[in-house]
Amino acid sequence: IPNMYQGRRRHPRTWQTSDEKTFLYVGNYIEGKGQDIGL
């Protein structure tokens, strides 16, 4: 599936050292999905 996005070009955000960075770990709580490793 080719990238067909034709909208305005976006640039990656430049993070500052003091910026809060939030990561989401999406997945049901099932042993073996890796939440323990991620933690």
Full PDB file with SEQRES, HELIX, SHEET, SSBOND, CRYST1, ORIGX, SCALE, CONECT and MASTER records, all heavy atoms in Angstrom:
SEQRES   1 A   39  ILE PRO ASN MET TYR GLN GLY ARG ARG ARG HIS PRO ARG          
SEQRES   2 A   39  THR TRP GLN THR SER ASP GLU LYS THR PHE LEU TYR VAL          
SEQRES   3 A   39  GLY ASN TYR ILE GLU GLY LYS GLY GLN ASP ILE GLY LEU          
HELIX    1 AA1 GLN A   35  GLY A   38  1                                   4    
CRYST1    1.000    1.000    1.000  90.00  90.00  90.00 P 1           1          
ORIGX1      1.000000  0.000000  0.000000        0.00000                         
ORIGX2      0.000000  1.000000  0.000000        0.00000                         
ORIGX3      0.000000  0.000000  1.000000        0.00000                         
SCALE1      1.000000  0.000000  0.000000        0.00000                         
SCALE2      0.000000  1.000000  0.000000        0.00000                         
SCALE3      0.000000  0.000000  1.000000        0.00000                         
ATOM      1  N   ILE A   1       0.865  -1.174   0.000  1.00  0.00           N  
ATOM      2  CA  ILE A   1       0.000   0.000   0.000  1.00  0.00           C  
ATOM      3  C   ILE A   1       0.903   1.226   0.000  1.00  0.00           C  
ATOM      4  O   ILE A   1       1.584   1.497   0.985  1.00  0.00           O  
ATOM      5  CB  ILE A   1      -0.932   0.005   1.222  1.00  0.00           C  
ATOM      6  CG1 ILE A   1      -1.774  -1.274   1.232  1.00  0.00           C  
ATOM      7  CG2 ILE A   1      -1.801   1.261   1.226  1.00  0.00           C  
ATOM      8  CD1 ILE A   1      -2.561  -1.484   2.489  1.00  0.00           C  
ATOM      9  N   PRO A   2       0.953   1.947  -1.108  1.00  0.00           N  
ATOM     10  CA  PRO A   2       1.837   3.114  -1.169  1.00  0.00           C  
ATOM     11  C   PRO A   2       1.321   4.252  -0.302  1.00  0.00           C  
ATOM     12  O   PRO A   2       0.127   4.326   0.008  1.00  0.00           O  
ATOM     13  CB  PRO A   2       1.812   3.489  -2.649  1.00  0.00           C  
ATOM     14  CG  PRO A   2       0.503   2.979  -3.146  1.00  0.00           C  
ATOM     15  CD  PRO A   2       0.196   1.739  -2.335  1.00  0.00           C  
ATOM     16  N   ASN A   3       2.218   5.117   0.092  1.00  0.00           N  
ATOM     17  CA  ASN A   3       1.848   6.296   0.850  1.00  0.00           C  
ATOM     18  C   ASN A   3       1.194   7.288  -0.100  1.00  0.00           C  
ATOM     19  O   ASN A   3       1.855   7.870  -0.950  1.00  0.00           O  
ATOM     20  CB  ASN A   3       3.086   6.911   1.507  1.00  0.00           C  
ATOM     21  CG  ASN A   3       2.730   8.121   2.340  1.00  0.00           C  
ATOM     22  OD1 ASN A   3       1.578   8.498   2.437  1.00  0.00           O  
ATOM     23  ND2 ASN A   3       3.737   8.726   2.938  1.00  0.00           N  
ATOM     24  N   MET A   4      -0.094   7.474   0.056  1.00  0.00           N  
ATOM     25  CA  MET A   4      -0.833   8.328  -0.873  1.00  0.00           C  
ATOM     26  C   MET A   4      -1.216   9.667  -0.239  1.00  0.00           C  
ATOM     27  O   MET A   4      -2.028  10.397  -0.770  1.00  0.00           O  
ATOM     28  CB  MET A   4      -2.096   7.619  -1.359  1.00  0.00           C  
ATOM     29  CG  MET A   4      -1.811   6.339  -2.126  1.00  0.00           C  
ATOM     30  SD  MET A   4      -0.798   6.587  -3.594  1.00  0.00           S  
ATOM     31  CE  MET A   4      -1.926   7.467  -4.630  1.00  0.00           C  
ATOM     32  N   TYR A   5      -0.629  10.006   0.904  1.00  0.00           N  
ATOM     33  CA  TYR A   5      -0.976  11.269   1.557  1.00  0.00           C  
ATOM     34  C   TYR A   5      -0.570  12.437   0.679  1.00  0.00           C  
ATOM     35  O   TYR A   5       0.583  12.564   0.283  1.00  0.00           O  
ATOM     36  CB  TYR A   5      -0.288  11.358   2.923  1.00  0.00           C  
ATOM     37  CG  TYR A   5      -0.587  12.631   3.657  1.00  0.00           C  
ATOM     38  CD1 TYR A   5      -1.835  12.840   4.215  1.00  0.00           C  
ATOM     39  CD2 TYR A   5       0.369  13.631   3.781  1.00  0.00           C  
ATOM     40  CE1 TYR A   5      -2.135  14.012   4.898  1.00  0.00           C  
ATOM     41  CE2 TYR A   5       0.089  14.800   4.459  1.00  0.00           C  
ATOM     42  CZ  TYR A   5      -1.158  14.984   5.012  1.00  0.00           C  
ATOM     43  OH  TYR A   5      -1.450  16.151   5.678  1.00  0.00           O  
ATOM     44  N   GLN A   6      -1.515  13.276   0.349  1.00  0.00           N  
ATOM     45  CA  GLN A   6      -1.253  14.418  -0.513  1.00  0.00           C  
ATOM     46  C   GLN A   6      -1.414  15.752   0.222  1.00  0.00           C  
ATOM     47  O   GLN A   6      -1.429  16.806  -0.396  1.00  0.00           O  
ATOM     48  CB  GLN A   6      -2.197  14.383  -1.726  1.00  0.00           C  
ATOM     49  CG  GLN A   6      -2.060  13.155  -2.586  1.00  0.00           C  
ATOM     50  CD  GLN A   6      -0.688  13.050  -3.237  1.00  0.00           C  
ATOM     51  OE1 GLN A   6      -0.112  14.030  -3.679  1.00  0.00           O  
ATOM     52  NE2 GLN A   6      -0.151  11.844  -3.269  1.00  0.00           N  
ATOM     53  N   GLY A   7      -1.565  15.688   1.527  1.00  0.00           N  
ATOM     54  CA  GLY A   7      -1.784  16.911   2.308  1.00  0.00           C  
ATOM     55  C   GLY A   7      -0.511  17.709   2.504  1.00  0.00           C  
ATOM     56  O   GLY A   7       0.532  17.434   1.914  1.00  0.00           O  
ATOM     57  N   ARG A   8      -0.619  18.700   3.364  1.00  0.00           N  
ATOM     58  CA  ARG A   8       0.512  19.574   3.668  1.00  0.00           C  
ATOM     59  C   ARG A   8       1.645  18.771   4.306  1.00  0.00           C  
ATOM     60  O   ARG A   8       1.411  17.920   5.162  1.00  0.00           O  
ATOM     61  CB  ARG A   8       0.056  20.658   4.630  1.00  0.00           C  
ATOM     62  CG  ARG A   8       1.038  21.792   4.782  1.00  0.00           C  
ATOM     63  CD  ARG A   8       0.493  22.789   5.752  1.00  0.00           C  
ATOM     64  NE  ARG A   8       0.805  22.242   7.080  1.00  0.00           N  
ATOM     65  CZ  ARG A   8       0.759  22.922   8.203  1.00  0.00           C  
ATOM     66  NH1 ARG A   8       0.357  24.160   8.193  1.00  0.00           N  
ATOM     67  NH2 ARG A   8       1.057  22.377   9.338  1.00  0.00           N  
ATOM     68  N   ARG A   9       2.845  19.018   3.890  1.00  0.00           N  
ATOM     69  CA  ARG A   9       3.998  18.301   4.420  1.00  0.00           C  
ATOM     70  C   ARG A   9       4.213  18.684   5.882  1.00  0.00           C  
ATOM     71  O   ARG A   9       4.167  19.856   6.242  1.00  0.00           O  
ATOM     72  CB  ARG A   9       5.235  18.639   3.604  1.00  0.00           C  
ATOM     73  CG  ARG A   9       6.416  17.830   4.021  1.00  0.00           C  
ATOM     74  CD  ARG A   9       7.600  18.119   3.147  1.00  0.00           C  
ATOM     75  NE  ARG A   9       8.679  17.249   3.572  1.00  0.00           N  
ATOM     76  CZ  ARG A   9       9.558  16.734   2.785  1.00  0.00           C  
ATOM     77  NH1 ARG A   9       9.526  17.000   1.503  1.00  0.00           N  
ATOM     78  NH2 ARG A   9      10.501  15.963   3.234  1.00  0.00           N  
ATOM     79  N   ARG A  10       4.440  17.681   6.701  1.00  0.00           N  
ATOM     80  CA  ARG A  10       4.679  17.914   8.126  1.00  0.00           C  
ATOM     81  C   ARG A  10       6.130  17.597   8.442  1.00  0.00           C  
ATOM     82  O   ARG A  10       6.723  16.716   7.858  1.00  0.00           O  
ATOM     83  CB  ARG A  10       3.756  17.043   8.959  1.00  0.00           C  
ATOM     84  CG  ARG A  10       2.305  17.398   8.777  1.00  0.00           C  
ATOM     85  CD  ARG A  10       1.385  16.448   9.483  1.00  0.00           C  
ATOM     86  NE  ARG A  10       1.901  16.050  10.776  1.00  0.00           N  
ATOM     87  CZ  ARG A  10       1.404  15.070  11.501  1.00  0.00           C  
ATOM     88  NH1 ARG A  10       0.392  14.395  11.061  1.00  0.00           N  
ATOM     89  NH2 ARG A  10       1.915  14.756  12.656  1.00  0.00           N  
ATOM     90  N   HIS A  11       6.670  18.304   9.390  1.00  0.00           N  
ATOM     91  CA  HIS A  11       8.045  18.072   9.820  1.00  0.00           C  
ATOM     92  C   HIS A  11       8.025  17.488  11.229  1.00  0.00           C  
ATOM     93  O   HIS A  11       7.207  17.892  12.054  1.00  0.00           O  
ATOM     94  CB  HIS A  11       8.843  19.371   9.800  1.00  0.00           C  
ATOM     95  CG  HIS A  11       8.938  19.954   8.427  1.00  0.00           C  
ATOM     96  ND1 HIS A  11       9.793  19.461   7.474  1.00  0.00           N  
ATOM     97  CD2 HIS A  11       8.264  20.961   7.831  1.00  0.00           C  
ATOM     98  CE1 HIS A  11       9.660  20.147   6.357  1.00  0.00           C  
ATOM     99  NE2 HIS A  11       8.722  21.060   6.545  1.00  0.00           N  
ATOM    100  N   PRO A  12       8.923  16.568  11.520  1.00  0.00           N  
ATOM    101  CA  PRO A  12       8.974  15.998  12.869  1.00  0.00           C  
ATOM    102  C   PRO A  12       9.190  17.086  13.910  1.00  0.00           C  
ATOM    103  O   PRO A  12       9.886  18.070  13.656  1.00  0.00           O  
ATOM    104  CB  PRO A  12      10.170  15.051  12.824  1.00  0.00           C  
ATOM    105  CG  PRO A  12      10.444  14.824  11.388  1.00  0.00           C  
ATOM    106  CD  PRO A  12       9.951  16.035  10.654  1.00  0.00           C  
ATOM    107  N   ARG A  13       8.593  16.885  15.052  1.00  0.00           N  
ATOM    108  CA  ARG A  13       8.748  17.848  16.135  1.00  0.00           C  
ATOM    109  C   ARG A  13      10.163  17.768  16.688  1.00  0.00           C  
ATOM    110  O   ARG A  13      10.732  16.692  16.828  1.00  0.00           O  
ATOM    111  CB  ARG A  13       7.749  17.542  17.244  1.00  0.00           C  
ATOM    112  CG  ARG A  13       7.913  18.462  18.410  1.00  0.00           C  
ATOM    113  CD  ARG A  13       6.891  18.238  19.456  1.00  0.00           C  
ATOM    114  NE  ARG A  13       7.240  19.070  20.594  1.00  0.00           N  
ATOM    115  CZ  ARG A  13       6.575  19.086  21.704  1.00  0.00           C  
ATOM    116  NH1 ARG A  13       5.510  18.335  21.839  1.00  0.00           N  
ATOM    117  NH2 ARG A  13       6.944  19.852  22.694  1.00  0.00           N  
ATOM    118  N   THR A  14      10.712  18.907  17.031  1.00  0.00           N  
ATOM    119  CA  THR A  14      11.999  18.960  17.708  1.00  0.00           C  
ATOM    120  C   THR A  14      11.728  19.043  19.202  1.00  0.00           C  
ATOM    121  O   THR A  14      11.080  19.980  19.670  1.00  0.00           O  
ATOM    122  CB  THR A  14      12.808  20.202  17.256  1.00  0.00           C  
ATOM    123  OG1 THR A  14      12.980  20.124  15.842  1.00  0.00           O  
ATOM    124  CG2 THR A  14      14.151  20.240  17.923  1.00  0.00           C  
ATOM    125  N   TRP A  15      12.156  18.045  19.928  1.00  0.00           N  
ATOM    126  CA  TRP A  15      11.912  17.988  21.365  1.00  0.00           C  
ATOM    127  C   TRP A  15      12.957  18.790  22.119  1.00  0.00           C  
ATOM    128  O   TRP A  15      14.144  18.719  21.826  1.00  0.00           O  
ATOM    129  CB  TRP A  15      11.948  16.546  21.859  1.00  0.00           C  
ATOM    130  CG  TRP A  15      10.834  15.723  21.324  1.00  0.00           C  
ATOM    131  CD1 TRP A  15      10.875  14.897  20.252  1.00  0.00           C  
ATOM    132  CD2 TRP A  15       9.507  15.666  21.828  1.00  0.00           C  
ATOM    133  NE1 TRP A  15       9.646  14.322  20.046  1.00  0.00           N  
ATOM    134  CE2 TRP A  15       8.789  14.773  21.007  1.00  0.00           C  
ATOM    135  CE3 TRP A  15       8.846  16.281  22.888  1.00  0.00           C  
ATOM    136  CZ2 TRP A  15       7.463  14.468  21.215  1.00  0.00           C  
ATOM    137  CZ3 TRP A  15       7.519  15.980  23.096  1.00  0.00           C  
ATOM    138  CH2 TRP A  15       6.835  15.091  22.271  1.00  0.00           C  
ATOM    139  N   GLN A  16      12.510  19.532  23.079  1.00  0.00           N  
ATOM    140  CA  GLN A  16      13.400  20.229  23.996  1.00  0.00           C  
ATOM    141  C   GLN A  16      13.658  19.317  25.186  1.00  0.00           C  
ATOM    142  O   GLN A  16      12.816  18.485  25.543  1.00  0.00           O  
ATOM    143  CB  GLN A  16      12.771  21.547  24.463  1.00  0.00           C  
ATOM    144  CG  GLN A  16      12.412  22.497  23.337  1.00  0.00           C  
ATOM    145  CD  GLN A  16      13.608  22.881  22.496  1.00  0.00           C  
ATOM    146  OE1 GLN A  16      14.674  23.175  23.021  1.00  0.00           O  
ATOM    147  NE2 GLN A  16      13.439  22.873  21.184  1.00  0.00           N  
ATOM    148  N   THR A  17      14.780  19.468  25.815  1.00  0.00           N  
ATOM    149  CA  THR A  17      15.145  18.618  26.942  1.00  0.00           C  
ATOM    150  C   THR A  17      14.084  18.654  28.044  1.00  0.00           C  
ATOM    151  O   THR A  17      13.784  17.647  28.661  1.00  0.00           O  
ATOM    152  CB  THR A  17      16.507  19.051  27.520  1.00  0.00           C  
ATOM    153  OG1 THR A  17      17.457  19.037  26.455  1.00  0.00           O  
ATOM    154  CG2 THR A  17      16.971  18.130  28.613  1.00  0.00           C  
ATOM    155  N   SER A  18      13.491  19.810  28.255  1.00  0.00           N  
ATOM    156  CA  SER A  18      12.526  19.969  29.346  1.00  0.00           C  
ATOM    157  C   SER A  18      11.099  19.559  28.969  1.00  0.00           C  
ATOM    158  O   SER A  18      10.223  19.516  29.834  1.00  0.00           O  
ATOM    159  CB  SER A  18      12.520  21.420  29.822  1.00  0.00           C  
ATOM    160  OG  SER A  18      12.129  22.264  28.749  1.00  0.00           O  
ATOM    161  N   ASP A  19      10.833  19.261  27.709  1.00  0.00           N  
ATOM    162  CA  ASP A  19       9.480  18.881  27.278  1.00  0.00           C  
ATOM    163  C   ASP A  19       9.072  17.542  27.884  1.00  0.00           C  
ATOM    164  O   ASP A  19       9.872  16.612  27.952  1.00  0.00           O  
ATOM    165  CB  ASP A  19       9.403  18.739  25.755  1.00  0.00           C  
ATOM    166  CG  ASP A  19       9.470  20.061  25.028  1.00  0.00           C  
ATOM    167  OD1 ASP A  19       9.302  21.109  25.678  1.00  0.00           O  
ATOM    168  OD2 ASP A  19       9.707  20.040  23.808  1.00  0.00           O  
ATOM    169  N   GLU A  20       7.808  17.460  28.301  1.00  0.00           N  
ATOM    170  CA  GLU A  20       7.283  16.172  28.761  1.00  0.00           C  
ATOM    171  C   GLU A  20       7.018  15.303  27.542  1.00  0.00           C  
ATOM    172  O   GLU A  20       6.447  15.750  26.554  1.00  0.00           O  
ATOM    173  CB  GLU A  20       6.000  16.369  29.554  1.00  0.00           C  
ATOM    174  CG  GLU A  20       5.487  15.082  30.153  1.00  0.00           C  
ATOM    175  CD  GLU A  20       4.326  15.312  31.095  1.00  0.00           C  
ATOM    176  OE1 GLU A  20       4.547  15.816  32.201  1.00  0.00           O  
ATOM    177  OE2 GLU A  20       3.196  14.972  30.691  1.00  0.00           O  
ATOM    178  N   LYS A  21       7.457  14.066  27.617  1.00  0.00           N  
ATOM    179  CA  LYS A  21       7.297  13.123  26.508  1.00  0.00           C  
ATOM    180  C   LYS A  21       6.437  11.952  26.991  1.00  0.00           C  
ATOM    181  O   LYS A  21       6.782  11.297  27.946  1.00  0.00           O  
ATOM    182  CB  LYS A  21       8.664  12.631  26.042  1.00  0.00           C  
ATOM    183  CG  LYS A  21       9.580  13.750  25.578  1.00  0.00           C  
ATOM    184  CD  LYS A  21      11.030  13.327  25.719  1.00  0.00           C  
ATOM    185  CE  LYS A  21      11.962  14.481  25.884  1.00  0.00           C  
ATOM    186  NZ  LYS A  21      12.003  15.104  27.167  1.00  0.00           N  
ATOM    187  N   THR A  22       5.326  11.717  26.326  1.00  0.00           N  
ATOM    188  CA  THR A  22       4.407  10.659  26.731  1.00  0.00           C  
ATOM    189  C   THR A  22       4.420   9.543  25.701  1.00  0.00           C  
ATOM    190  O   THR A  22       4.264   9.790  24.509  1.00  0.00           O  
ATOM    191  CB  THR A  22       2.982  11.210  26.877  1.00  0.00           C  
ATOM    192  OG1 THR A  22       2.995  12.272  27.841  1.00  0.00           O  
ATOM    193  CG2 THR A  22       2.023  10.125  27.339  1.00  0.00           C  
ATOM    194  N   PHE A  23       4.607   8.329  26.180  1.00  0.00           N  
ATOM    195  CA  PHE A  23       4.585   7.147  25.333  1.00  0.00           C  
ATOM    196  C   PHE A  23       3.364   6.314  25.699  1.00  0.00           C  
ATOM    197  O   PHE A  23       3.050   6.148  26.870  1.00  0.00           O  
ATOM    198  CB  PHE A  23       5.852   6.301  25.543  1.00  0.00           C  
ATOM    199  CG  PHE A  23       7.098   6.991  25.087  1.00  0.00           C  
ATOM    200  CD1 PHE A  23       7.796   7.826  25.949  1.00  0.00           C  
ATOM    201  CD2 PHE A  23       7.565   6.816  23.796  1.00  0.00           C  
ATOM    202  CE1 PHE A  23       8.947   8.482  25.538  1.00  0.00           C  
ATOM    203  CE2 PHE A  23       8.714   7.467  23.362  1.00  0.00           C  
ATOM    204  CZ  PHE A  23       9.405   8.305  24.244  1.00  0.00           C  
ATOM    205  N   LEU A  24       2.685   5.788  24.686  1.00  0.00           N  
ATOM    206  CA  LEU A  24       1.537   4.905  24.902  1.00  0.00           C  
ATOM    207  C   LEU A  24       1.944   3.484  24.572  1.00  0.00           C  
ATOM    208  O   LEU A  24       2.588   3.235  23.557  1.00  0.00           O  
ATOM    209  CB  LEU A  24       0.367   5.296  23.999  1.00  0.00           C  
ATOM    210  CG  LEU A  24      -0.255   6.660  24.218  1.00  0.00           C  
ATOM    211  CD1 LEU A  24      -1.365   6.883  23.197  1.00  0.00           C  
ATOM    212  CD2 LEU A  24      -0.784   6.803  25.623  1.00  0.00           C  
ATOM    213  N   TYR A  25       1.552   2.559  25.427  1.00  0.00           N  
ATOM    214  CA  TYR A  25       1.738   1.133  25.145  1.00  0.00           C  
ATOM    215  C   TYR A  25       0.333   0.579  24.962  1.00  0.00           C  
ATOM    216  O   TYR A  25      -0.415   0.427  25.910  1.00  0.00           O  
ATOM    217  CB  TYR A  25       2.451   0.441  26.305  1.00  0.00           C  
ATOM    218  CG  TYR A  25       2.998  -0.912  25.933  1.00  0.00           C  
ATOM    219  CD1 TYR A  25       4.353  -1.157  25.966  1.00  0.00           C  
ATOM    220  CD2 TYR A  25       2.159  -1.947  25.542  1.00  0.00           C  
ATOM    221  CE1 TYR A  25       4.868  -2.399  25.628  1.00  0.00           C  
ATOM    222  CE2 TYR A  25       2.662  -3.178  25.194  1.00  0.00           C  
ATOM    223  CZ  TYR A  25       4.019  -3.397  25.237  1.00  0.00           C  
ATOM    224  OH  TYR A  25       4.515  -4.625  24.895  1.00  0.00           O  
ATOM    225  N   VAL A  26      -0.040   0.337  23.720  1.00  0.00           N  
ATOM    226  CA  VAL A  26      -1.395  -0.098  23.395  1.00  0.00           C  
ATOM    227  C   VAL A  26      -1.429  -1.616  23.293  1.00  0.00           C  
ATOM    228  O   VAL A  26      -0.694  -2.215  22.511  1.00  0.00           O  
ATOM    229  CB  VAL A  26      -1.875   0.530  22.068  1.00  0.00           C  
ATOM    230  CG1 VAL A  26      -3.282   0.079  21.735  1.00  0.00           C  
ATOM    231  CG2 VAL A  26      -1.787   2.050  22.143  1.00  0.00           C  
ATOM    232  N   GLY A  27      -2.265  -2.246  24.102  1.00  0.00           N  
ATOM    233  CA  GLY A  27      -2.418  -3.696  24.058  1.00  0.00           C  
ATOM    234  C   GLY A  27      -3.164  -4.171  25.290  1.00  0.00           C  
ATOM    235  O   GLY A  27      -2.975  -3.637  26.387  1.00  0.00           O  
ATOM    236  N   ASN A  28      -4.021  -5.150  25.118  1.00  0.00           N  
ATOM    237  CA  ASN A  28      -4.732  -5.702  26.258  1.00  0.00           C  
ATOM    238  C   ASN A  28      -3.748  -6.307  27.242  1.00  0.00           C  
ATOM    239  O   ASN A  28      -2.648  -6.721  26.879  1.00  0.00           O  
ATOM    240  CB  ASN A  28      -5.748  -6.749  25.798  1.00  0.00           C  
ATOM    241  CG  ASN A  28      -6.898  -6.122  25.048  1.00  0.00           C  
ATOM    242  OD1 ASN A  28      -7.260  -4.978  25.296  1.00  0.00           O  
ATOM    243  ND2 ASN A  28      -7.458  -6.850  24.109  1.00  0.00           N  
ATOM    244  N   TYR A  29      -4.154  -6.355  28.506  1.00  0.00           N  
ATOM    245  CA  TYR A  29      -3.296  -6.872  29.571  1.00  0.00           C  
ATOM    246  C   TYR A  29      -3.292  -8.396  29.522  1.00  0.00           C  
ATOM    247  O   TYR A  29      -4.069  -9.063  30.197  1.00  0.00           O  
ATOM    248  CB  TYR A  29      -3.772  -6.364  30.934  1.00  0.00           C  
ATOM    249  CG  TYR A  29      -3.665  -4.872  31.048  1.00  0.00           C  
ATOM    250  CD1 TYR A  29      -4.758  -4.052  30.803  1.00  0.00           C  
ATOM    251  CD2 TYR A  29      -2.455  -4.278  31.364  1.00  0.00           C  
ATOM    252  CE1 TYR A  29      -4.648  -2.673  30.890  1.00  0.00           C  
ATOM    253  CE2 TYR A  29      -2.336  -2.901  31.456  1.00  0.00           C  
ATOM    254  CZ  TYR A  29      -3.439  -2.109  31.215  1.00  0.00           C  
ATOM    255  OH  TYR A  29      -3.330  -0.745  31.294  1.00  0.00           O  
ATOM    256  N   ILE A  30      -2.410  -8.914  28.702  1.00  0.00           N  
ATOM    257  CA  ILE A  30      -2.263 -10.361  28.529  1.00  0.00           C  
ATOM    258  C   ILE A  30      -0.781 -10.677  28.665  1.00  0.00           C  
ATOM    259  O   ILE A  30       0.050 -10.083  27.966  1.00  0.00           O  
ATOM    260  CB  ILE A  30      -2.775 -10.823  27.152  1.00  0.00           C  
ATOM    261  CG1 ILE A  30      -4.262 -10.498  27.000  1.00  0.00           C  
ATOM    262  CG2 ILE A  30      -2.511 -12.305  26.933  1.00  0.00           C  
ATOM    263  CD1 ILE A  30      -4.811 -10.725  25.605  1.00  0.00           C  
ATOM    264  N   GLU A  31      -0.456 -11.579  29.570  1.00  0.00           N  
ATOM    265  CA  GLU A  31       0.951 -11.942  29.741  1.00  0.00           C  
ATOM    266  C   GLU A  31       1.503 -12.431  28.406  1.00  0.00           C  
ATOM    267  O   GLU A  31       0.859 -13.208  27.705  1.00  0.00           O  
ATOM    268  CB  GLU A  31       1.082 -13.033  30.809  1.00  0.00           C  
ATOM    269  CG  GLU A  31       2.495 -13.208  31.283  1.00  0.00           C  
ATOM    270  CD  GLU A  31       2.595 -14.039  32.551  1.00  0.00           C  
ATOM    271  OE1 GLU A  31       1.558 -14.521  33.046  1.00  0.00           O  
ATOM    272  OE2 GLU A  31       3.720 -14.192  33.026  1.00  0.00           O  
ATOM    273  N   GLY A  32       2.666 -11.959  28.039  1.00  0.00           N  
ATOM    274  CA  GLY A  32       3.253 -12.314  26.762  1.00  0.00           C  
ATOM    275  C   GLY A  32       3.179 -11.184  25.745  1.00  0.00           C  
ATOM    276  O   GLY A  32       3.821 -11.245  24.701  1.00  0.00           O  
ATOM    277  N   LYS A  33       2.394 -10.136  26.038  1.00  0.00           N  
ATOM    278  CA  LYS A  33       2.312  -8.986  25.130  1.00  0.00           C  
ATOM    279  C   LYS A  33       3.474  -8.023  25.340  1.00  0.00           C  
ATOM    280  O   LYS A  33       3.666  -7.107  24.562  1.00  0.00           O  
ATOM    281  CB  LYS A  33       0.988  -8.246  25.312  1.00  0.00           C  
ATOM    282  CG  LYS A  33      -0.202  -9.035  24.837  1.00  0.00           C  
ATOM    283  CD  LYS A  33      -0.915  -8.268  23.791  1.00  0.00           C  
ATOM    284  CE  LYS A  33      -2.091  -9.087  23.288  1.00  0.00           C  
ATOM    285  NZ  LYS A  33      -2.543  -8.628  22.021  1.00  0.00           N  
ATOM    286  N   GLY A  34       4.246  -8.215  26.408  1.00  0.00           N  
ATOM    287  CA  GLY A  34       5.458  -7.442  26.609  1.00  0.00           C  
ATOM    288  C   GLY A  34       5.353  -6.218  27.489  1.00  0.00           C  
ATOM    289  O   GLY A  34       6.319  -5.471  27.606  1.00  0.00           O  
ATOM    290  N   GLN A  35       4.200  -5.993  28.138  1.00  0.00           N  
ATOM    291  CA  GLN A  35       4.099  -4.821  29.003  1.00  0.00           C  
ATOM    292  C   GLN A  35       5.141  -4.860  30.118  1.00  0.00           C  
ATOM    293  O   GLN A  35       5.692  -3.820  30.483  1.00  0.00           O  
ATOM    294  CB  GLN A  35       2.698  -4.698  29.626  1.00  0.00           C  
ATOM    295  CG  GLN A  35       1.652  -4.225  28.664  1.00  0.00           C  
ATOM    296  CD  GLN A  35       0.784  -5.346  28.150  1.00  0.00           C  
ATOM    297  OE1 GLN A  35       1.210  -6.496  28.083  1.00  0.00           O  
ATOM    298  NE2 GLN A  35      -0.433  -5.023  27.756  1.00  0.00           N  
ATOM    299  N   ASP A  36       5.436  -6.042  30.643  1.00  0.00           N  
ATOM    300  CA  ASP A  36       6.432  -6.151  31.708  1.00  0.00           C  
ATOM    301  C   ASP A  36       7.823  -5.778  31.199  1.00  0.00           C  
ATOM    302  O   ASP A  36       8.579  -5.074  31.876  1.00  0.00           O  
ATOM    303  CB  ASP A  36       6.427  -7.552  32.317  1.00  0.00           C  
ATOM    304  CG  ASP A  36       6.521  -8.675  31.292  1.00  0.00           C  
ATOM    305  OD1 ASP A  36       6.264  -8.443  30.085  1.00  0.00           O  
ATOM    306  OD2 ASP A  36       6.848  -9.804  31.701  1.00  0.00           O  
ATOM    307  N   ILE A  37       8.150  -6.173  29.997  1.00  0.00           N  
ATOM    308  CA  ILE A  37       9.441  -5.822  29.401  1.00  0.00           C  
ATOM    309  C   ILE A  37       9.496  -4.315  29.134  1.00  0.00           C  
ATOM    310  O   ILE A  37      10.497  -3.653  29.425  1.00  0.00           O  
ATOM    311  CB  ILE A  37       9.677  -6.617  28.106  1.00  0.00           C  
ATOM    312  CG1 ILE A  37       9.752  -8.106  28.424  1.00  0.00           C  
ATOM    313  CG2 ILE A  37      10.939  -6.146  27.381  1.00  0.00           C  
ATOM    314  CD1 ILE A  37       9.676  -9.011  27.207  1.00  0.00           C  
ATOM    315  N   GLY A  38       8.405  -3.779  28.606  1.00  0.00           N  
ATOM    316  CA  GLY A  38       8.335  -2.343  28.348  1.00  0.00           C  
ATOM    317  C   GLY A  38       8.464  -1.533  29.620  1.00  0.00           C  
ATOM    318  O   GLY A  38       9.123  -0.483  29.643  1.00  0.00           O  
ATOM    319  N   LEU A  39       7.869  -2.013  30.687  1.00  0.00           N  
ATOM    320  CA  LEU A  39       7.936  -1.319  31.971  1.00  0.00           C  
ATOM    321  C   LEU A  39       9.366  -1.305  32.512  1.00  0.00           C  
ATOM    322  O   LEU A  39       9.845  -0.280  32.999  1.00  0.00           O  
ATOM    323  CB  LEU A  39       6.987  -1.981  32.965  1.00  0.00           C  
ATOM    324  CG  LEU A  39       6.756  -1.274  34.281  1.00  0.00           C  
ATOM    325  CD1 LEU A  39       6.288   0.161  34.075  1.00  0.00           C  
ATOM    326  CD2 LEU A  39       5.741  -2.049  35.109  1.00  0.00           C  
TER     327      LEU A  39                                                      
MASTER        0    0    0    1    0    0    0    6  326    1    0    3          
END                                                                             
